[in-house]
Structures are given as structure tokens and as C-alpha cells.
Amino acid sequence: MTEKIYGYARVSTRQQDLARQLDLLDGYGCHKIYTEKISGAHTNRAELNKLKKRVKASDQVLIESFSRLGRSTKDLIDLVSFFEEKGVKVISIKENFDTQTPQGKLMMTVFQAFSQFERDIIVERTREGLDSARARGKIGGRPRVDQQLVQQAVTMYYEQAYPVDVICERTGLKKATVYRYLQEVKKQEAFTTIEHALP
């Protein structure tokens, strides 16, 4: 079976132009290029989903850069792993990255380590922020909110870049509640930064 090269190009808004990415991908002889004008924060990207269904073993997926494919480090790792499991090579032109070379495999290992580090830091900051807010009496006098859902919501926002609408839908929390807790975490981060700067 002849391998095929599929391109994927994306910009975040309808006002942005795909021409630069398309010109670059065209030069590599792509069999088909999937294009989208949608924020990477959206979990449901129709053209990317079509690409995932179409590729077969020995095919290649070509992107201009990592940022065009993944909305976060974790998302990029998940997508590359998905294609790898199907026997599909992922190539990023800007980063000179090929998932099936030793250098590419090493880079993915480094990405995975950093992604886990990011998750650990976010969880730690979330807990510190909520604990600090409770200690200052900032959280109280309202109907009690499930703290596990709060932590899940904050983690989804910071780690996975989900929009608040999606977070509310998946956790069942109200927008006002999510924004309130996000604000508390941001205040705690700012307080910690000032405290560390003091002599």
C-alpha cells in the first residue's frame, strides 16, 4: 500500500490567513490538506477528527509547527501518541521533528516529563490557593461547593486550556462559581510572588 502524506493547517480565528501554512505544506506534496479556522482550545475540531479517521499505517501527517496541532503539551502528546499507535508518522517542519527518528522519540520523552511536571505544579498551586482562600475566610457564606469538582475545574482551565463553557458543562458548576475560584487561585499566585520578592 502506497503511503500518503496528509497536511493539517490551523489558525485561531476566521480573520487569520492560512496561506503561509498552505504554501509550506504544498511544497511537500501532500495528498490532502485539512484546514481549520478555530481556536486550539476547542476540544472538538471537525477537520482534525476527519484526519484522525482517514490516516492508515505508513501514512504521514505534516504540520507547520507543534502549535498548529496541539492546544497544550498534554494535547500534543496525546495526538502524537494516537497517530503513532496507528503506525502514522508525524512531522513538524518548524521544529524539524519526526516521530519515528531517535531524536523525535527522545523529544517526546522530554515532552512527557514536562507535561507531568506542569500537571503537578498546577495541582499544587490549586490546593494552595484554595487552602489560603479558606484560611482568609474568602470562601464561605455560600452553599458548599464540592471541592473535588472545583479542583477539577481549575485543572481543566490551567492544564488543558478548556474554555469555561466546556468546564461548566463537564463539572456541573456554574460560570460564576468557576470564575470565583479561578480568581482566588490567581490572587494566591500573585500573593506568593510578592511574598517571595520581599527581603
N, C-alpha and C. Protein backbone atom coordinates (compact mmCIF):
# COMPACT_ATOMS: atom_id res chain seq x y z
N MET A 1 0.84 -1.20 0.00
CA MET A 1 0.00 0.00 0.00
C MET A 1 0.88 1.25 0.00
N THR A 2 0.57 2.18 -0.90
CA THR A 2 1.35 3.41 -1.01
C THR A 2 1.03 4.35 0.14
N GLU A 3 2.08 4.82 0.78
CA GLU A 3 1.84 5.76 1.88
C GLU A 3 1.40 7.11 1.33
N LYS A 4 0.59 7.80 2.13
CA LYS A 4 0.09 9.11 1.73
C LYS A 4 0.50 10.15 2.76
N ILE A 5 0.69 11.36 2.28
CA ILE A 5 1.06 12.48 3.15
C ILE A 5 -0.16 13.38 3.30
N TYR A 6 -0.58 13.61 4.53
CA TYR A 6 -1.71 14.49 4.81
C TYR A 6 -1.21 15.70 5.59
N GLY A 7 -1.61 16.87 5.16
CA GLY A 7 -1.25 18.09 5.87
C GLY A 7 -2.37 18.54 6.79
N TYR A 8 -2.00 19.25 7.83
CA TYR A 8 -3.00 19.85 8.73
C TYR A 8 -2.57 21.28 9.03
N ALA A 9 -3.44 22.24 8.71
CA ALA A 9 -3.15 23.65 8.94
C ALA A 9 -4.27 24.26 9.76
N ARG A 10 -3.91 25.13 10.71
CA ARG A 10 -4.93 25.75 11.55
C ARG A 10 -4.51 27.16 11.95
N VAL A 11 -5.50 28.05 11.98
CA VAL A 11 -5.34 29.37 12.60
C VAL A 11 -6.45 29.52 13.62
N SER A 12 -6.28 30.45 14.55
CA SER A 12 -7.18 30.53 15.69
C SER A 12 -8.49 31.27 15.42
N THR A 13 -8.49 32.18 14.44
CA THR A 13 -9.70 32.96 14.15
C THR A 13 -9.96 32.99 12.65
N ARG A 14 -11.20 33.33 12.30
CA ARG A 14 -11.59 33.39 10.89
C ARG A 14 -10.90 34.54 10.16
N GLN A 15 -10.42 35.53 10.93
CA GLN A 15 -9.76 36.68 10.31
C GLN A 15 -8.33 36.37 9.89
N GLN A 16 -7.75 35.34 10.47
CA GLN A 16 -6.36 34.99 10.15
C GLN A 16 -6.28 34.23 8.83
N ASP A 17 -5.11 34.30 8.22
CA ASP A 17 -4.91 33.72 6.88
C ASP A 17 -4.12 32.41 6.97
N LEU A 18 -4.58 31.41 6.23
CA LEU A 18 -3.91 30.11 6.21
C LEU A 18 -2.86 30.01 5.10
N ALA A 19 -2.74 31.06 4.29
CA ALA A 19 -1.91 30.98 3.07
C ALA A 19 -0.47 30.55 3.35
N ARG A 20 0.15 31.11 4.37
CA ARG A 20 1.56 30.78 4.65
C ARG A 20 1.74 29.30 4.95
N GLN A 21 0.86 28.77 5.80
CA GLN A 21 0.94 27.34 6.14
C GLN A 21 0.67 26.47 4.91
N LEU A 22 -0.33 26.86 4.11
CA LEU A 22 -0.70 26.07 2.93
C LEU A 22 0.43 26.06 1.91
N ASP A 23 1.07 27.20 1.70
CA ASP A 23 2.20 27.28 0.76
C ASP A 23 3.32 26.34 1.20
N LEU A 24 3.57 26.32 2.50
CA LEU A 24 4.64 25.48 3.04
C LEU A 24 4.30 24.00 2.87
N LEU A 25 3.07 23.62 3.22
CA LEU A 25 2.65 22.21 3.13
C LEU A 25 2.57 21.74 1.69
N ASP A 26 2.14 22.62 0.78
CA ASP A 26 2.05 22.26 -0.64
C ASP A 26 3.39 21.82 -1.19
N GLY A 27 4.45 22.41 -0.67
CA GLY A 27 5.78 22.09 -1.16
C GLY A 27 6.24 20.69 -0.81
N TYR A 28 5.51 20.01 0.06
CA TYR A 28 5.89 18.66 0.47
C TYR A 28 5.02 17.59 -0.21
N GLY A 29 4.22 18.01 -1.18
CA GLY A 29 3.44 17.05 -1.95
C GLY A 29 2.35 16.34 -1.17
N CYS A 30 1.62 17.08 -0.36
CA CYS A 30 0.55 16.48 0.43
C CYS A 30 -0.57 15.96 -0.46
N HIS A 31 -1.05 14.76 -0.14
CA HIS A 31 -2.17 14.17 -0.86
C HIS A 31 -3.44 14.98 -0.60
N LYS A 32 -3.60 15.45 0.64
CA LYS A 32 -4.74 16.29 1.01
C LYS A 32 -4.33 17.11 2.22
N ILE A 33 -4.82 18.34 2.30
CA ILE A 33 -4.53 19.20 3.45
C ILE A 33 -5.85 19.55 4.14
N TYR A 34 -5.92 19.25 5.41
CA TYR A 34 -7.09 19.58 6.22
C TYR A 34 -6.85 20.95 6.87
N THR A 35 -7.82 21.83 6.75
CA THR A 35 -7.64 23.19 7.27
C THR A 35 -8.77 23.55 8.24
N GLU A 36 -8.42 24.34 9.23
CA GLU A 36 -9.42 24.79 10.20
C GLU A 36 -9.11 26.21 10.64
N LYS A 37 -10.18 26.98 10.87
CA LYS A 37 -10.06 28.30 11.49
C LYS A 37 -10.83 28.22 12.80
N ILE A 38 -10.11 27.77 13.82
CA ILE A 38 -10.73 27.51 15.11
C ILE A 38 -9.66 27.55 16.19
N SER A 39 -10.02 28.02 17.36
CA SER A 39 -9.06 28.08 18.46
C SER A 39 -8.62 26.68 18.86
N GLY A 40 -7.35 26.54 19.20
CA GLY A 40 -6.84 25.26 19.65
C GLY A 40 -7.45 24.81 20.95
N ALA A 41 -8.10 25.74 21.68
CA ALA A 41 -8.72 25.39 22.95
C ALA A 41 -9.96 24.53 22.77
N HIS A 42 -10.53 24.54 21.56
CA HIS A 42 -11.72 23.73 21.30
C HIS A 42 -11.34 22.25 21.27
N THR A 43 -12.07 21.46 22.02
CA THR A 43 -11.78 20.02 22.07
C THR A 43 -12.30 19.29 20.85
N ASN A 44 -13.31 19.83 20.19
CA ASN A 44 -13.91 19.18 19.04
C ASN A 44 -13.54 19.94 17.77
N ARG A 45 -12.49 19.47 17.10
CA ARG A 45 -12.05 20.09 15.85
C ARG A 45 -12.41 19.14 14.71
N ALA A 46 -13.42 19.53 13.95
CA ALA A 46 -14.01 18.63 12.95
C ALA A 46 -13.00 18.12 11.93
N GLU A 47 -12.16 19.00 11.40
CA GLU A 47 -11.21 18.59 10.36
C GLU A 47 -10.12 17.69 10.93
N LEU A 48 -9.69 17.99 12.13
CA LEU A 48 -8.70 17.13 12.78
C LEU A 48 -9.29 15.74 13.01
N ASN A 49 -10.55 15.69 13.41
CA ASN A 49 -11.22 14.40 13.61
C ASN A 49 -11.30 13.61 12.30
N LYS A 50 -11.56 14.31 11.20
CA LYS A 50 -11.60 13.65 9.89
C LYS A 50 -10.22 13.07 9.54
N LEU A 51 -9.19 13.86 9.83
CA LEU A 51 -7.82 13.40 9.56
C LEU A 51 -7.50 12.15 10.37
N LYS A 52 -7.89 12.16 11.64
CA LYS A 52 -7.61 11.01 12.52
C LYS A 52 -8.29 9.74 12.02
N LYS A 53 -9.48 9.90 11.42
CA LYS A 53 -10.20 8.74 10.91
C LYS A 53 -9.64 8.25 9.57
N ARG A 54 -9.06 9.17 8.81
CA ARG A 54 -8.63 8.82 7.44
C ARG A 54 -7.27 8.14 7.38
N VAL A 55 -6.34 8.54 8.23
CA VAL A 55 -4.97 8.03 8.12
C VAL A 55 -4.89 6.53 8.39
N LYS A 56 -3.95 5.91 7.71
CA LYS A 56 -3.70 4.48 7.88
C LYS A 56 -2.21 4.27 8.14
N ALA A 57 -1.86 3.05 8.52
CA ALA A 57 -0.46 2.72 8.80
C ALA A 57 0.43 3.10 7.62
N SER A 58 1.58 3.66 7.93
CA SER A 58 2.61 4.10 6.97
C SER A 58 2.31 5.47 6.36
N ASP A 59 1.15 6.06 6.67
CA ASP A 59 0.88 7.42 6.22
C ASP A 59 1.70 8.42 7.04
N GLN A 60 1.71 9.67 6.58
CA GLN A 60 2.40 10.73 7.29
C GLN A 60 1.45 11.91 7.52
N VAL A 61 1.58 12.54 8.68
CA VAL A 61 0.84 13.77 8.98
C VAL A 61 1.87 14.88 9.09
N LEU A 62 1.68 15.91 8.27
CA LEU A 62 2.65 17.01 8.20
C LEU A 62 2.01 18.29 8.75
N ILE A 63 2.70 18.95 9.66
CA ILE A 63 2.22 20.21 10.24
C ILE A 63 3.32 21.26 10.13
N GLU A 64 2.90 22.53 10.13
CA GLU A 64 3.88 23.62 10.07
C GLU A 64 4.65 23.73 11.37
N SER A 65 3.95 23.56 12.51
CA SER A 65 4.60 23.62 13.82
C SER A 65 3.72 22.92 14.84
N PHE A 66 4.28 22.61 16.00
CA PHE A 66 3.54 21.94 17.06
C PHE A 66 2.28 22.71 17.46
N SER A 67 2.40 24.04 17.47
CA SER A 67 1.28 24.87 17.95
C SER A 67 0.05 24.75 17.06
N ARG A 68 0.23 24.32 15.82
CA ARG A 68 -0.90 24.16 14.91
C ARG A 68 -1.68 22.88 15.22
N LEU A 69 -1.02 21.92 15.86
CA LEU A 69 -1.68 20.63 16.12
C LEU A 69 -2.24 20.54 17.53
N GLY A 70 -1.41 20.78 18.54
CA GLY A 70 -1.84 20.61 19.93
C GLY A 70 -2.16 21.91 20.62
N ARG A 71 -3.19 21.90 21.49
CA ARG A 71 -3.57 23.12 22.21
C ARG A 71 -2.78 23.25 23.51
N SER A 72 -2.09 22.19 23.90
CA SER A 72 -1.25 22.19 25.10
C SER A 72 -0.23 21.07 24.95
N THR A 73 0.74 21.02 25.85
CA THR A 73 1.74 19.96 25.79
C THR A 73 1.07 18.60 25.89
N LYS A 74 0.13 18.48 26.81
CA LYS A 74 -0.57 17.20 27.01
C LYS A 74 -1.36 16.82 25.76
N ASP A 75 -2.06 17.79 25.18
CA ASP A 75 -2.85 17.52 23.99
C ASP A 75 -1.95 17.08 22.84
N LEU A 76 -0.80 17.74 22.68
CA LEU A 76 0.14 17.37 21.62
C LEU A 76 0.63 15.94 21.81
N ILE A 77 0.99 15.60 23.05
CA ILE A 77 1.47 14.25 23.34
C ILE A 77 0.39 13.22 23.03
N ASP A 78 -0.85 13.51 23.43
CA ASP A 78 -1.96 12.57 23.19
C ASP A 78 -2.18 12.36 21.69
N LEU A 79 -2.12 13.45 20.92
CA LEU A 79 -2.35 13.34 19.48
C LEU A 79 -1.23 12.58 18.79
N VAL A 80 0.02 12.90 19.14
CA VAL A 80 1.15 12.21 18.54
C VAL A 80 1.09 10.72 18.90
N SER A 81 0.74 10.42 20.15
CA SER A 81 0.62 9.01 20.57
C SER A 81 -0.47 8.29 19.79
N PHE A 82 -1.59 8.99 19.55
CA PHE A 82 -2.68 8.41 18.77
C PHE A 82 -2.20 8.01 17.37
N PHE A 83 -1.49 8.94 16.72
CA PHE A 83 -1.02 8.65 15.37
C PHE A 83 0.04 7.55 15.37
N GLU A 84 0.91 7.58 16.37
CA GLU A 84 1.96 6.57 16.47
C GLU A 84 1.37 5.17 16.63
N GLU A 85 0.31 5.06 17.43
CA GLU A 85 -0.34 3.76 17.64
C GLU A 85 -0.95 3.22 16.35
N LYS A 86 -1.31 4.11 15.44
CA LYS A 86 -1.85 3.70 14.14
C LYS A 86 -0.75 3.48 13.11
N GLY A 87 0.51 3.67 13.52
CA GLY A 87 1.63 3.50 12.60
C GLY A 87 1.80 4.67 11.66
N VAL A 88 1.33 5.85 12.10
CA VAL A 88 1.40 7.07 11.29
C VAL A 88 2.51 7.98 11.81
N LYS A 89 3.35 8.43 10.90
CA LYS A 89 4.45 9.33 11.26
C LYS A 89 3.95 10.77 11.32
N VAL A 90 4.37 11.52 12.35
CA VAL A 90 4.04 12.94 12.46
C VAL A 90 5.31 13.75 12.25
N ILE A 91 5.24 14.73 11.34
CA ILE A 91 6.41 15.56 11.03
C ILE A 91 6.04 17.02 11.22
N SER A 92 6.84 17.74 12.01
CA SER A 92 6.67 19.18 12.19
C SER A 92 7.83 19.88 11.48
N ILE A 93 7.48 20.74 10.53
CA ILE A 93 8.50 21.38 9.71
C ILE A 93 9.33 22.38 10.52
N LYS A 94 8.68 23.23 11.28
CA LYS A 94 9.38 24.29 12.01
C LYS A 94 10.36 23.71 13.02
N GLU A 95 9.93 22.70 13.75
CA GLU A 95 10.79 22.10 14.78
C GLU A 95 11.70 21.00 14.24
N ASN A 96 11.60 20.72 12.93
CA ASN A 96 12.39 19.66 12.32
C ASN A 96 12.23 18.36 13.12
N PHE A 97 10.97 17.99 13.33
CA PHE A 97 10.63 16.89 14.22
C PHE A 97 9.98 15.75 13.45
N ASP A 98 10.46 14.55 13.68
CA ASP A 98 9.90 13.35 13.05
C ASP A 98 9.75 12.30 14.15
N THR A 99 8.52 11.85 14.37
CA THR A 99 8.25 10.95 15.50
C THR A 99 8.94 9.60 15.37
N GLN A 100 9.36 9.25 14.18
CA GLN A 100 9.93 7.92 14.00
C GLN A 100 11.46 7.91 13.93
N THR A 101 12.08 9.04 14.27
CA THR A 101 13.54 9.08 14.38
C THR A 101 13.93 8.99 15.85
N PRO A 102 15.15 8.57 16.17
CA PRO A 102 15.59 8.53 17.56
C PRO A 102 15.47 9.88 18.25
N GLN A 103 15.79 10.96 17.51
CA GLN A 103 15.69 12.31 18.09
C GLN A 103 14.25 12.65 18.41
N GLY A 104 13.34 12.27 17.52
CA GLY A 104 11.91 12.53 17.75
C GLY A 104 11.39 11.78 18.95
N LYS A 105 11.78 10.53 19.10
CA LYS A 105 11.33 9.72 20.25
C LYS A 105 11.87 10.31 21.55
N LEU A 106 13.13 10.79 21.52
CA LEU A 106 13.71 11.41 22.71
C LEU A 106 12.96 12.68 23.06
N MET A 107 12.60 13.50 22.05
CA MET A 107 11.89 14.74 22.31
C MET A 107 10.52 14.46 22.93
N MET A 108 9.85 13.41 22.48
CA MET A 108 8.55 13.07 23.04
C MET A 108 8.68 12.66 24.51
N THR A 109 9.77 11.98 24.84
CA THR A 109 10.01 11.60 26.24
C THR A 109 10.20 12.84 27.11
N VAL A 110 10.92 13.83 26.58
CA VAL A 110 11.13 15.08 27.30
C VAL A 110 9.80 15.82 27.45
N PHE A 111 9.00 15.86 26.40
CA PHE A 111 7.68 16.49 26.46
C PHE A 111 6.81 15.87 27.55
N GLN A 112 6.82 14.54 27.60
CA GLN A 112 6.00 13.84 28.59
C GLN A 112 6.43 14.18 30.01
N ALA A 113 7.75 14.30 30.21
CA ALA A 113 8.26 14.65 31.54
C ALA A 113 7.82 16.06 31.93
N PHE A 114 7.91 17.00 31.00
CA PHE A 114 7.50 18.37 31.28
C PHE A 114 6.00 18.47 31.49
N SER A 115 5.25 17.69 30.74
CA SER A 115 3.79 17.70 30.89
C SER A 115 3.39 17.23 32.28
N GLN A 116 4.04 16.18 32.76
CA GLN A 116 3.74 15.69 34.11
C GLN A 116 4.14 16.72 35.16
N PHE A 117 5.27 17.39 34.93
CA PHE A 117 5.72 18.44 35.85
C PHE A 117 4.70 19.58 35.90
N GLU A 118 4.19 20.00 34.73
CA GLU A 118 3.17 21.05 34.67
C GLU A 118 1.92 20.64 35.45
N ARG A 119 1.48 19.40 35.27
CA ARG A 119 0.29 18.93 35.97
C ARG A 119 0.49 18.97 37.48
N ASP A 120 1.66 18.52 37.94
CA ASP A 120 1.95 18.50 39.37
C ASP A 120 1.96 19.91 39.95
N ILE A 121 2.55 20.85 39.23
CA ILE A 121 2.62 22.24 39.70
C ILE A 121 1.23 22.85 39.77
N ILE A 122 0.40 22.60 38.76
CA ILE A 122 -0.95 23.17 38.74
C ILE A 122 -1.79 22.63 39.89
N VAL A 123 -1.71 21.32 40.11
CA VAL A 123 -2.46 20.72 41.22
C VAL A 123 -2.01 21.30 42.55
N GLU A 124 -0.69 21.46 42.71
CA GLU A 124 -0.16 22.01 43.96
C GLU A 124 -0.62 23.45 44.16
N ARG A 125 -0.57 24.27 43.12
CA ARG A 125 -1.00 25.67 43.23
C ARG A 125 -2.49 25.77 43.49
N THR A 126 -3.25 24.88 42.87
CA THR A 126 -4.70 24.88 43.09
C THR A 126 -5.01 24.62 44.55
N ARG A 127 -4.37 23.62 45.12
CA ARG A 127 -4.61 23.29 46.53
C ARG A 127 -4.18 24.43 47.45
N GLU A 128 -3.00 25.01 47.15
CA GLU A 128 -2.52 26.12 47.98
C GLU A 128 -3.46 27.31 47.90
N GLY A 129 -3.94 27.59 46.69
CA GLY A 129 -4.84 28.72 46.51
C GLY A 129 -6.14 28.54 47.25
N LEU A 130 -6.72 27.35 47.18
CA LEU A 130 -7.98 27.08 47.87
C LEU A 130 -7.80 27.09 49.38
N ASP A 131 -6.70 26.49 49.85
CA ASP A 131 -6.43 26.46 51.29
C ASP A 131 -6.24 27.87 51.84
N SER A 132 -5.49 28.70 51.07
CA SER A 132 -5.25 30.07 51.51
C SER A 132 -6.54 30.87 51.54
N ALA A 133 -7.37 30.68 50.51
CA ALA A 133 -8.64 31.40 50.46
C ALA A 133 -9.53 31.03 51.63
N ARG A 134 -9.55 29.75 51.97
CA ARG A 134 -10.37 29.31 53.11
C ARG A 134 -9.83 29.92 54.40
N ALA A 135 -8.49 29.93 54.55
CA ALA A 135 -7.88 30.44 55.78
C ALA A 135 -8.17 31.93 55.96
N ARG A 136 -8.30 32.67 54.86
CA ARG A 136 -8.58 34.10 54.94
C ARG A 136 -10.08 34.37 55.00
N GLY A 137 -10.86 33.29 55.01
CA GLY A 137 -12.30 33.44 55.11
C GLY A 137 -12.95 33.93 53.84
N LYS A 138 -12.24 33.80 52.72
CA LYS A 138 -12.77 34.29 51.45
C LYS A 138 -13.81 33.34 50.87
N ILE A 139 -13.70 32.09 51.25
CA ILE A 139 -14.65 31.10 50.75
C ILE A 139 -15.56 30.69 51.90
N GLY A 140 -16.81 31.03 51.83
CA GLY A 140 -17.75 30.71 52.90
C GLY A 140 -18.97 31.59 52.77
N GLY A 141 -20.02 31.26 53.53
CA GLY A 141 -21.23 32.04 53.47
C GLY A 141 -22.06 31.78 52.23
N ARG A 142 -21.69 30.78 51.45
CA ARG A 142 -22.43 30.39 50.26
C ARG A 142 -22.72 28.90 50.36
N PRO A 143 -23.61 28.38 49.53
CA PRO A 143 -23.83 26.94 49.51
C PRO A 143 -22.51 26.22 49.23
N ARG A 144 -22.24 25.17 49.97
CA ARG A 144 -20.95 24.48 49.87
C ARG A 144 -20.79 23.84 48.49
N VAL A 145 -19.62 24.04 47.91
CA VAL A 145 -19.32 23.50 46.59
C VAL A 145 -18.38 22.31 46.75
N ASP A 146 -18.62 21.28 46.00
CA ASP A 146 -17.76 20.09 46.03
C ASP A 146 -16.34 20.50 45.62
N GLN A 147 -15.41 20.38 46.56
CA GLN A 147 -14.05 20.85 46.31
C GLN A 147 -13.32 20.01 45.25
N GLN A 148 -13.71 18.75 45.10
CA GLN A 148 -13.10 17.93 44.05
C GLN A 148 -13.49 18.46 42.67
N LEU A 149 -14.75 18.91 42.56
CA LEU A 149 -15.19 19.50 41.29
C LEU A 149 -14.47 20.81 41.03
N VAL A 150 -14.26 21.59 42.09
CA VAL A 150 -13.53 22.86 41.96
C VAL A 150 -12.11 22.60 41.47
N GLN A 151 -11.44 21.64 42.08
CA GLN A 151 -10.07 21.32 41.68
C GLN A 151 -10.02 20.81 40.24
N GLN A 152 -11.01 20.00 39.88
CA GLN A 152 -11.09 19.50 38.51
C GLN A 152 -11.27 20.66 37.53
N ALA A 153 -12.13 21.61 37.89
CA ALA A 153 -12.40 22.75 37.02
C ALA A 153 -11.14 23.61 36.82
N VAL A 154 -10.44 23.90 37.90
CA VAL A 154 -9.24 24.74 37.82
C VAL A 154 -8.15 24.03 37.02
N THR A 155 -8.02 22.74 37.23
CA THR A 155 -7.03 21.96 36.50
C THR A 155 -7.35 21.94 35.01
N MET A 156 -8.63 21.76 34.67
CA MET A 156 -9.03 21.77 33.27
C MET A 156 -8.71 23.11 32.61
N TYR A 157 -8.89 24.19 33.37
CA TYR A 157 -8.66 25.53 32.83
C TYR A 157 -7.16 25.78 32.60
N TYR A 158 -6.33 25.49 33.60
CA TYR A 158 -4.91 25.82 33.51
C TYR A 158 -4.12 24.79 32.72
N GLU A 159 -4.43 23.52 32.92
CA GLU A 159 -3.62 22.47 32.31
C GLU A 159 -4.03 22.17 30.88
N GLN A 160 -5.33 22.08 30.66
CA GLN A 160 -5.80 21.60 29.37
C GLN A 160 -6.42 22.68 28.49
N ALA A 161 -6.46 23.91 29.01
CA ALA A 161 -6.94 25.07 28.24
C ALA A 161 -8.38 24.92 27.76
N TYR A 162 -9.20 24.27 28.56
CA TYR A 162 -10.62 24.16 28.20
C TYR A 162 -11.30 25.51 28.42
N PRO A 163 -12.21 25.92 27.54
CA PRO A 163 -12.98 27.14 27.79
C PRO A 163 -13.93 26.92 28.96
N VAL A 164 -14.32 28.01 29.62
CA VAL A 164 -15.16 27.92 30.81
C VAL A 164 -16.50 27.24 30.51
N ASP A 165 -17.05 27.48 29.33
CA ASP A 165 -18.33 26.85 28.96
C ASP A 165 -18.24 25.33 29.03
N VAL A 166 -17.14 24.79 28.49
CA VAL A 166 -16.94 23.34 28.48
C VAL A 166 -16.72 22.82 29.90
N ILE A 167 -15.96 23.58 30.70
CA ILE A 167 -15.71 23.19 32.08
C ILE A 167 -17.01 23.10 32.86
N CYS A 168 -17.88 24.10 32.69
CA CYS A 168 -19.17 24.10 33.38
C CYS A 168 -20.03 22.92 32.96
N GLU A 169 -19.99 22.63 31.67
CA GLU A 169 -20.80 21.52 31.15
C GLU A 169 -20.34 20.19 31.74
N ARG A 170 -19.02 20.02 31.89
CA ARG A 170 -18.48 18.74 32.34
C ARG A 170 -18.49 18.57 33.86
N THR A 171 -18.42 19.67 34.58
CA THR A 171 -18.39 19.58 36.05
C THR A 171 -19.74 19.86 36.68
N GLY A 172 -20.61 20.53 35.95
CA GLY A 172 -21.91 20.91 36.51
C GLY A 172 -21.85 22.17 37.35
N LEU A 173 -20.70 22.82 37.40
CA LEU A 173 -20.57 24.06 38.17
C LEU A 173 -21.09 25.24 37.35
N LYS A 174 -21.53 26.27 38.06
CA LYS A 174 -21.98 27.49 37.39
C LYS A 174 -20.77 28.33 36.98
N LYS A 175 -20.98 29.17 35.94
CA LYS A 175 -19.89 30.02 35.47
C LYS A 175 -19.36 30.92 36.58
N ALA A 176 -20.28 31.50 37.34
CA ALA A 176 -19.87 32.41 38.41
C ALA A 176 -18.98 31.70 39.42
N THR A 177 -19.31 30.45 39.71
CA THR A 177 -18.53 29.67 40.67
C THR A 177 -17.13 29.41 40.13
N VAL A 178 -17.05 28.99 38.87
CA VAL A 178 -15.75 28.70 38.26
C VAL A 178 -14.88 29.95 38.23
N TYR A 179 -15.44 31.07 37.79
CA TYR A 179 -14.68 32.32 37.73
C TYR A 179 -14.22 32.76 39.13
N ARG A 180 -15.08 32.54 40.13
CA ARG A 180 -14.74 32.95 41.50
C ARG A 180 -13.51 32.18 42.01
N TYR A 181 -13.50 30.88 41.78
CA TYR A 181 -12.38 30.08 42.26
C TYR A 181 -11.12 30.33 41.45
N LEU A 182 -11.26 30.55 40.15
CA LEU A 182 -10.09 30.90 39.33
C LEU A 182 -9.46 32.20 39.82
N GLN A 183 -10.31 33.16 40.20
CA GLN A 183 -9.81 34.43 40.70
C GLN A 183 -9.06 34.24 42.01
N GLU A 184 -9.56 33.34 42.86
CA GLU A 184 -8.89 33.09 44.13
C GLU A 184 -7.50 32.48 43.91
N VAL A 185 -7.40 31.56 42.97
CA VAL A 185 -6.11 30.94 42.67
C VAL A 185 -5.14 31.99 42.12
N LYS A 186 -5.63 32.87 41.24
CA LYS A 186 -4.77 33.92 40.68
C LYS A 186 -4.29 34.88 41.77
N LYS A 187 -5.18 35.21 42.72
CA LYS A 187 -4.79 36.09 43.83
C LYS A 187 -3.70 35.44 44.67
N GLN A 188 -3.85 34.13 44.90
CA GLN A 188 -2.85 33.42 45.70
C GLN A 188 -1.50 33.40 45.00
N GLU A 189 -1.51 33.20 43.68
CA GLU A 189 -0.25 33.20 42.92
C GLU A 189 0.43 34.56 43.01
N ALA A 190 -0.36 35.63 42.91
CA ALA A 190 0.18 36.99 43.00
C ALA A 190 0.75 37.25 44.39
N PHE A 191 0.03 36.80 45.42
CA PHE A 191 0.46 36.98 46.82
C PHE A 191 1.77 36.25 47.05
N THR A 192 1.87 35.00 46.51
CA THR A 192 3.09 34.20 46.68
C THR A 192 4.26 34.85 46.00
N THR A 193 4.04 35.42 44.81
CA THR A 193 5.11 36.10 44.07
C THR A 193 5.65 37.30 44.84
N ILE A 194 4.74 38.11 45.42
CA ILE A 194 5.14 39.29 46.21
C ILE A 194 5.88 38.85 47.47
N GLU A 195 5.37 37.82 48.11
CA GLU A 195 5.98 37.34 49.37
C GLU A 195 7.39 36.88 49.13
N HIS A 196 7.64 36.18 48.01
CA HIS A 196 8.99 35.68 47.70
C HIS A 196 9.93 36.82 47.33
N ALA A 197 9.37 37.93 46.87
CA ALA A 197 10.21 39.06 46.46
C ALA A 197 10.64 39.91 47.64
N LEU A 198 9.97 39.76 48.80
CA LEU A 198 10.32 40.55 49.95
C LEU A 198 11.64 40.07 50.55
N PRO A 199 12.43 41.01 51.12
CA PRO A 199 13.74 40.62 51.71
C PRO A 199 13.53 39.84 53.01
